[in-house]
Amino acid sequence: MTPEEKFNNDLLYVLNRIKEKSLYTLAEKPIEYWINYNLIMIGEKYTSAENEALIIRKLQELEVIKIINEEESSNLSLNQYQFFNLKIIQPKFNELYEKLGEPLIKKEKYQQSSAESIKKILGTLGHLKDEWDLTPKGNYNETSISPQKYRYWMQECDIGDFYELNNILTILEQEGLILKADFIDESR
């Protein structure tokens, strides 16, 4: 995992905690956010207490939240904690929350897909990329693919029929990986 991926995971962890706390908080009341330095949680999905506190401050710097109040236990205390009263700043909070959560939603969506269907989608995308790389770039951001070529792709990717290929191309359009797919009429 790259440092950026780790940071984004930690950021999303804190945003999720803030979002959850906000759901239990009465309107116009500050959100109470506790960080327990004695609690050790293990796993990629969790962040360290030190990083959690840094992320709270980073979120304020990004103007996503406002720290209204902050308290810390003394270092001599057996139970070391940090307490924040927070206010969410909209729409920036939701924009960041959705931006960071989108890849996870897509990941969950594709985890529900069969390995065979993902293989067909990736195979088709690979062939499209190869074709795009071999196309001279002019005034148009498009490439033409002959019926013979996409029939070959269908065989190679184990795509059953034209309708299945069309569904795969529609998925690639919906995901923003291709702009548009039109088929050439074989009678030309």
C-alpha atoms as a PDB file:
ATOM      1  CA  MET A   1       0.000   0.000   0.000  1.00  0.00           C
ATOM      2  CA  THR A   2       1.399   3.393  -0.986  1.00  0.00           C
ATOM      3  CA  PRO A   3       1.585   6.234   1.575  1.00  0.00           C
ATOM      4  CA  GLU A   4      -1.230   7.996  -0.300  1.00  0.00           C
ATOM      5  CA  GLU A   5      -3.459   4.895  -0.153  1.00  0.00           C
ATOM      6  CA  LYS A   6      -2.721   4.482   3.583  1.00  0.00           C
ATOM      7  CA  PHE A   7      -3.510   8.146   4.204  1.00  0.00           C
ATOM      8  CA  ASN A   8      -6.772   7.935   2.230  1.00  0.00           C
ATOM      9  CA  ASN A   9      -7.789   4.791   4.155  1.00  0.00           C
ATOM     10  CA  ASP A  10      -7.066   6.531   7.461  1.00  0.00           C
ATOM     11  CA  LEU A  11      -8.903   9.636   6.280  1.00  0.00           C
ATOM     12  CA  LEU A  12     -11.947   7.586   5.303  1.00  0.00           C
ATOM     13  CA  TYR A  13     -11.850   5.778   8.673  1.00  0.00           C
ATOM     14  CA  VAL A  14     -12.044   9.116  10.526  1.00  0.00           C
ATOM     15  CA  LEU A  15     -14.703  10.487   8.161  1.00  0.00           C
ATOM     16  CA  ASN A  16     -16.801   7.353   8.755  1.00  0.00           C
ATOM     17  CA  ARG A  17     -16.507   7.788  12.527  1.00  0.00           C
ATOM     18  CA  ILE A  18     -17.493  11.461  12.277  1.00  0.00           C
ATOM     19  CA  LYS A  19     -20.415  10.613   9.978  1.00  0.00           C
ATOM     20  CA  GLU A  20     -21.650   7.914  12.373  1.00  0.00           C
ATOM     21  CA  LYS A  21     -21.350  10.222  15.398  1.00  0.00           C
ATOM     22  CA  SER A  22     -23.212  12.946  13.503  1.00  0.00           C
ATOM     23  CA  LEU A  23     -26.169  10.607  12.965  1.00  0.00           C
ATOM     24  CA  TYR A  24     -26.538  10.196  16.752  1.00  0.00           C
ATOM     25  CA  THR A  25     -26.042  13.900  17.507  1.00  0.00           C
ATOM     26  CA  LEU A  26     -28.978  16.278  17.814  1.00  0.00           C
ATOM     27  CA  ALA A  27     -29.191  19.010  15.204  1.00  0.00           C
ATOM     28  CA  GLU A  28     -27.142  22.132  15.974  1.00  0.00           C
ATOM     29  CA  LYS A  29     -25.190  20.285  18.710  1.00  0.00           C
ATOM     30  CA  PRO A  30     -21.442  19.685  18.330  1.00  0.00           C
ATOM     31  CA  ILE A  31     -20.291  16.172  17.490  1.00  0.00           C
ATOM     32  CA  GLU A  32     -18.360  14.508  20.328  1.00  0.00           C
ATOM     33  CA  TYR A  33     -15.317  12.662  19.025  1.00  0.00           C
ATOM     34  CA  TRP A  34     -13.100  10.626  21.372  1.00  0.00           C
ATOM     35  CA  ILE A  35      -9.666   9.190  20.662  1.00  0.00           C
ATOM     36  CA  ASN A  36      -8.449   6.598  23.165  1.00  0.00           C
ATOM     37  CA  TYR A  37      -4.652   6.237  23.125  1.00  0.00           C
ATOM     38  CA  ASN A  38      -4.766   3.054  25.244  1.00  0.00           C
ATOM     39  CA  LEU A  39      -7.008   1.193  22.806  1.00  0.00           C
ATOM     40  CA  ILE A  40      -5.069  -0.808  20.249  1.00  0.00           C
ATOM     41  CA  MET A  41      -6.917  -1.860  17.109  1.00  0.00           C
ATOM     42  CA  ILE A  42      -5.205  -4.009  14.522  1.00  0.00           C
ATOM     43  CA  GLY A  43      -5.928  -4.158  10.805  1.00  0.00           C
ATOM     44  CA  GLU A  44      -5.637  -2.036   7.674  1.00  0.00           C
ATOM     45  CA  LYS A  45      -9.109  -0.654   8.258  1.00  0.00           C
ATOM     46  CA  TYR A  46      -8.040   1.067  11.508  1.00  0.00           C
ATOM     47  CA  THR A  47      -5.631   3.925  12.066  1.00  0.00           C
ATOM     48  CA  SER A  48      -3.407   4.696  15.043  1.00  0.00           C
ATOM     49  CA  ALA A  49      -4.667   7.132  17.666  1.00  0.00           C
ATOM     50  CA  GLU A  50      -1.805   9.517  16.821  1.00  0.00           C
ATOM     51  CA  ASN A  51      -2.738   9.527  13.128  1.00  0.00           C
ATOM     52  CA  GLU A  52      -6.412   9.895  14.000  1.00  0.00           C
ATOM     53  CA  ALA A  53      -5.669  13.116  15.901  1.00  0.00           C
ATOM     54  CA  LEU A  54      -3.512  14.389  13.020  1.00  0.00           C
ATOM     55  CA  ILE A  55      -6.318  13.637  10.557  1.00  0.00           C
ATOM     56  CA  ILE A  56      -8.822  15.606  12.673  1.00  0.00           C
ATOM     57  CA  ARG A  57      -6.519  18.605  12.367  1.00  0.00           C
ATOM     58  CA  LYS A  58      -5.974  17.953   8.645  1.00  0.00           C
ATOM     59  CA  LEU A  59      -9.746  17.883   8.100  1.00  0.00           C
ATOM     60  CA  GLN A  60      -9.983  21.277   9.775  1.00  0.00           C
ATOM     61  CA  GLU A  61      -7.176  22.554   7.528  1.00  0.00           C
ATOM     62  CA  LEU A  62      -9.156  21.279   4.515  1.00  0.00           C
ATOM     63  CA  GLU A  63     -12.204  23.156   5.879  1.00  0.00           C
ATOM     64  CA  VAL A  64     -14.241  19.953   6.068  1.00  0.00           C
ATOM     65  CA  ILE A  65     -14.800  20.205   9.830  1.00  0.00           C
ATOM     66  CA  LYS A  66     -14.316  22.822  12.518  1.00  0.00           C
ATOM     67  CA  ILE A  67     -12.813  21.947  15.893  1.00  0.00           C
ATOM     68  CA  ILE A  68     -14.930  23.823  18.423  1.00  0.00           C
ATOM     69  CA  ASN A  69     -13.237  22.478  21.531  1.00  0.00           C
ATOM     70  CA  GLU A  70     -10.399  20.081  22.353  1.00  0.00           C
ATOM     71  CA  GLU A  71      -9.409  18.411  25.633  1.00  0.00           C
ATOM     72  CA  GLU A  72      -6.593  16.037  26.479  1.00  0.00           C
ATOM     73  CA  SER A  73      -5.955  13.853  29.503  1.00  0.00           C
ATOM     74  CA  SER A  74      -2.680  14.430  31.316  1.00  0.00           C
ATOM     75  CA  ASN A  75       0.242  12.156  30.512  1.00  0.00           C
ATOM     76  CA  LEU A  76       0.109  10.819  34.072  1.00  0.00           C
ATOM     77  CA  SER A  77      -3.403   9.496  33.551  1.00  0.00           C
ATOM     78  CA  LEU A  78      -3.858   5.755  33.155  1.00  0.00           C
ATOM     79  CA  ASN A  79      -6.488   6.353  30.516  1.00  0.00           C
ATOM     80  CA  GLN A  80      -4.971   8.614  27.895  1.00  0.00           C
ATOM     81  CA  TYR A  81      -7.541  10.177  25.616  1.00  0.00           C
ATOM     82  CA  GLN A  82      -8.255  13.170  23.465  1.00  0.00           C
ATOM     83  CA  PHE A  83     -11.706  14.667  23.109  1.00  0.00           C
ATOM     84  CA  PHE A  84     -12.961  16.942  20.336  1.00  0.00           C
ATOM     85  CA  ASN A  85     -16.188  18.858  19.805  1.00  0.00           C
ATOM     86  CA  LEU A  86     -16.606  19.125  16.052  1.00  0.00           C
ATOM     87  CA  LYS A  87     -18.848  20.791  13.532  1.00  0.00           C
ATOM     88  CA  ILE A  88     -19.218  19.396  10.012  1.00  0.00           C
ATOM     89  CA  ILE A  89     -18.839  21.953   7.218  1.00  0.00           C
ATOM     90  CA  GLN A  90     -21.144  21.151   4.315  1.00  0.00           C
ATOM     91  CA  PRO A  91     -21.005  20.510   1.384  1.00  0.00           C
ATOM     92  CA  LYS A  92     -17.230  19.958   1.629  1.00  0.00           C
ATOM     93  CA  PHE A  93     -17.618  17.104   4.140  1.00  0.00           C
ATOM     94  CA  ASN A  94     -19.999  15.127   1.913  1.00  0.00           C
ATOM     95  CA  GLU A  95     -17.910  15.822  -1.203  1.00  0.00           C
ATOM     96  CA  LEU A  96     -14.744  14.426   0.404  1.00  0.00           C
ATOM     97  CA  TYR A  97     -16.648  11.547   2.004  1.00  0.00           C
ATOM     98  CA  GLU A  98     -18.153  10.503  -1.344  1.00  0.00           C
ATOM     99  CA  LYS A  99     -14.891  10.984  -3.249  1.00  0.00           C
ATOM    100  CA  LEU A 100     -12.951   8.717  -0.872  1.00  0.00           C
ATOM    101  CA  GLY A 101     -15.773   6.195  -0.530  1.00  0.00           C
ATOM    102  CA  GLU A 102     -16.414   5.770  -4.264  1.00  0.00           C
ATOM    103  CA  PRO A 103     -13.529   3.318  -4.922  1.00  0.00           C
ATOM    104  CA  LEU A 104     -14.724   1.138  -2.031  1.00  0.00           C
ATOM    105  CA  ILE A 105     -18.259   1.100  -3.397  1.00  0.00           C
ATOM    106  CA  LYS A 106     -16.915   0.043  -6.798  1.00  0.00           C
ATOM    107  CA  LYS A 107     -14.704  -2.583  -5.158  1.00  0.00           C
ATOM    108  CA  GLU A 108     -17.675  -4.038  -3.278  1.00  0.00           C
ATOM    109  CA  LYS A 109     -19.751  -3.961  -6.449  1.00  0.00           C
ATOM    110  CA  TYR A 110     -17.128  -5.878  -8.407  1.00  0.00           C
ATOM    111  CA  GLN A 111     -16.494  -8.318  -5.562  1.00  0.00           C
ATOM    112  CA  GLN A 112     -20.107  -9.373  -6.020  1.00  0.00           C
ATOM    113  CA  SER A 113     -19.441 -10.044  -9.712  1.00  0.00           C
ATOM    114  CA  SER A 114     -18.179 -13.443 -10.773  1.00  0.00           C
ATOM    115  CA  ALA A 115     -14.515 -13.860 -11.643  1.00  0.00           C
ATOM    116  CA  GLU A 116     -15.569 -14.971 -15.126  1.00  0.00           C
ATOM    117  CA  SER A 117     -17.515 -11.772 -15.842  1.00  0.00           C
ATOM    118  CA  ILE A 118     -14.669  -9.589 -14.533  1.00  0.00           C
ATOM    119  CA  LYS A 119     -12.259 -11.528 -16.760  1.00  0.00           C
ATOM    120  CA  LYS A 120     -14.472 -10.788 -19.799  1.00  0.00           C
ATOM    121  CA  ILE A 121     -14.722  -7.088 -18.923  1.00  0.00           C
ATOM    122  CA  LEU A 122     -10.961  -6.719 -18.377  1.00  0.00           C
ATOM    123  CA  GLY A 123     -10.194  -8.709 -21.532  1.00  0.00           C
ATOM    124  CA  THR A 124     -12.414  -6.446 -23.608  1.00  0.00           C
ATOM    125  CA  LEU A 125     -10.914  -3.335 -22.009  1.00  0.00           C
ATOM    126  CA  GLY A 126      -7.418  -4.639 -22.779  1.00  0.00           C
ATOM    127  CA  HIS A 127      -8.299  -5.143 -26.454  1.00  0.00           C
ATOM    128  CA  LEU A 128      -9.837  -1.665 -26.631  1.00  0.00           C
ATOM    129  CA  LYS A 129      -6.702  -0.150 -25.123  1.00  0.00           C
ATOM    130  CA  ASP A 130      -4.475  -1.994 -27.610  1.00  0.00           C
ATOM    131  CA  GLU A 131      -6.626  -0.751 -30.486  1.00  0.00           C
ATOM    132  CA  TRP A 132      -6.577   2.802 -29.107  1.00  0.00           C
ATOM    133  CA  ASP A 133      -2.775   2.720 -28.769  1.00  0.00           C
ATOM    134  CA  LEU A 134      -2.490   1.700 -32.435  1.00  0.00           C
ATOM    135  CA  THR A 135      -4.817   4.442 -33.690  1.00  0.00           C
ATOM    136  CA  PRO A 136      -3.274   7.643 -35.093  1.00  0.00           C
ATOM    137  CA  LYS A 137      -4.489  10.616 -33.101  1.00  0.00           C
ATOM    138  CA  GLY A 138      -6.193  13.245 -35.207  1.00  0.00           C
ATOM    139  CA  ASN A 139      -8.971  15.706 -34.619  1.00  0.00           C
ATOM    140  CA  TYR A 140     -11.276  12.989 -33.293  1.00  0.00           C
ATOM    141  CA  ASN A 141     -10.859  10.970 -30.116  1.00  0.00           C
ATOM    142  CA  GLU A 142     -12.233   7.798 -31.612  1.00  0.00           C
ATOM    143  CA  THR A 143     -11.163   4.609 -33.273  1.00  0.00           C
ATOM    144  CA  SER A 144     -12.939   2.191 -35.593  1.00  0.00           C
ATOM    145  CA  ILE A 145     -12.956  -1.522 -34.938  1.00  0.00           C
ATOM    146  CA  SER A 146     -14.004  -3.952 -37.653  1.00  0.00           C
ATOM    147  CA  PRO A 147     -16.647  -6.638 -37.077  1.00  0.00           C
ATOM    148  CA  GLN A 148     -13.976  -9.281 -37.715  1.00  0.00           C
ATOM    149  CA  LYS A 149     -11.816  -7.832 -34.956  1.00  0.00           C
ATOM    150  CA  TYR A 150     -14.522  -7.648 -32.319  1.00  0.00           C
ATOM    151  CA  ARG A 151     -15.632 -11.200 -33.237  1.00  0.00           C
ATOM    152  CA  TYR A 152     -12.040 -12.278 -32.582  1.00  0.00           C
ATOM    153  CA  TRP A 153     -12.162 -10.479 -29.207  1.00  0.00           C
ATOM    154  CA  MET A 154     -15.404 -12.218 -28.382  1.00  0.00           C
ATOM    155  CA  GLN A 155     -13.780 -15.608 -29.022  1.00  0.00           C
ATOM    156  CA  GLU A 156     -10.632 -14.723 -27.133  1.00  0.00           C
ATOM    157  CA  CYS A 157     -12.542 -13.318 -24.123  1.00  0.00           C
ATOM    158  CA  ASP A 158     -15.121 -16.148 -24.214  1.00  0.00           C
ATOM    159  CA  ILE A 159     -17.979 -13.697 -24.842  1.00  0.00           C
ATOM    160  CA  GLY A 160     -21.048 -15.663 -25.900  1.00  0.00           C
ATOM    161  CA  ASP A 161     -22.759 -13.252 -28.272  1.00  0.00           C
ATOM    162  CA  PHE A 162     -23.107  -9.689 -29.529  1.00  0.00           C
ATOM    163  CA  TYR A 163     -25.529  -8.788 -26.710  1.00  0.00           C
ATOM    164  CA  GLU A 164     -23.025  -9.819 -24.041  1.00  0.00           C
ATOM    165  CA  LEU A 165     -20.328  -7.712 -25.752  1.00  0.00           C
ATOM    166  CA  ASN A 166     -22.741  -4.782 -25.908  1.00  0.00           C
ATOM    167  CA  ASN A 167     -23.444  -5.188 -22.155  1.00  0.00           C
ATOM    168  CA  ILE A 168     -19.707  -5.168 -21.419  1.00  0.00           C
ATOM    169  CA  LEU A 169     -19.226  -1.997 -23.482  1.00  0.00           C
ATOM    170  CA  THR A 170     -22.164  -0.374 -21.665  1.00  0.00           C
ATOM    171  CA  ILE A 171     -20.514  -1.202 -18.306  1.00  0.00           C
ATOM    172  CA  LEU A 172     -17.246   0.339 -19.530  1.00  0.00           C
ATOM    173  CA  GLU A 173     -19.153   3.480 -20.569  1.00  0.00           C
ATOM    174  CA  GLN A 174     -20.931   3.683 -17.182  1.00  0.00           C
ATOM    175  CA  GLU A 175     -17.601   3.380 -15.372  1.00  0.00           C
ATOM    176  CA  GLY A 176     -16.154   6.198 -17.493  1.00  0.00           C
ATOM    177  CA  LEU A 177     -13.502   3.956 -19.037  1.00  0.00           C
ATOM    178  CA  ILE A 178     -14.736   4.569 -22.589  1.00  0.00           C
ATOM    179  CA  LEU A 179     -16.828   7.432 -23.904  1.00  0.00           C
ATOM    180  CA  LYS A 180     -19.005   5.634 -26.420  1.00  0.00           C
ATOM    181  CA  ALA A 181     -19.203   2.407 -28.392  1.00  0.00           C
ATOM    182  CA  ASP A 182     -20.999   2.085 -31.719  1.00  0.00           C
ATOM    183  CA  PHE A 183     -20.827  -0.968 -33.940  1.00  0.00           C
ATOM    184  CA  ILE A 184     -20.049  -0.808 -37.645  1.00  0.00           C
ATOM    185  CA  ASP A 185     -22.746  -2.238 -39.874  1.00  0.00           C
ATOM    186  CA  GLU A 186     -21.354  -5.349 -41.568  1.00  0.00           C
ATOM    187  CA  SER A 187     -23.122  -4.524 -44.850  1.00  0.00           C
ATOM    188  CA  ARG A 188     -20.763  -1.568 -45.531  1.00  0.00           C
END
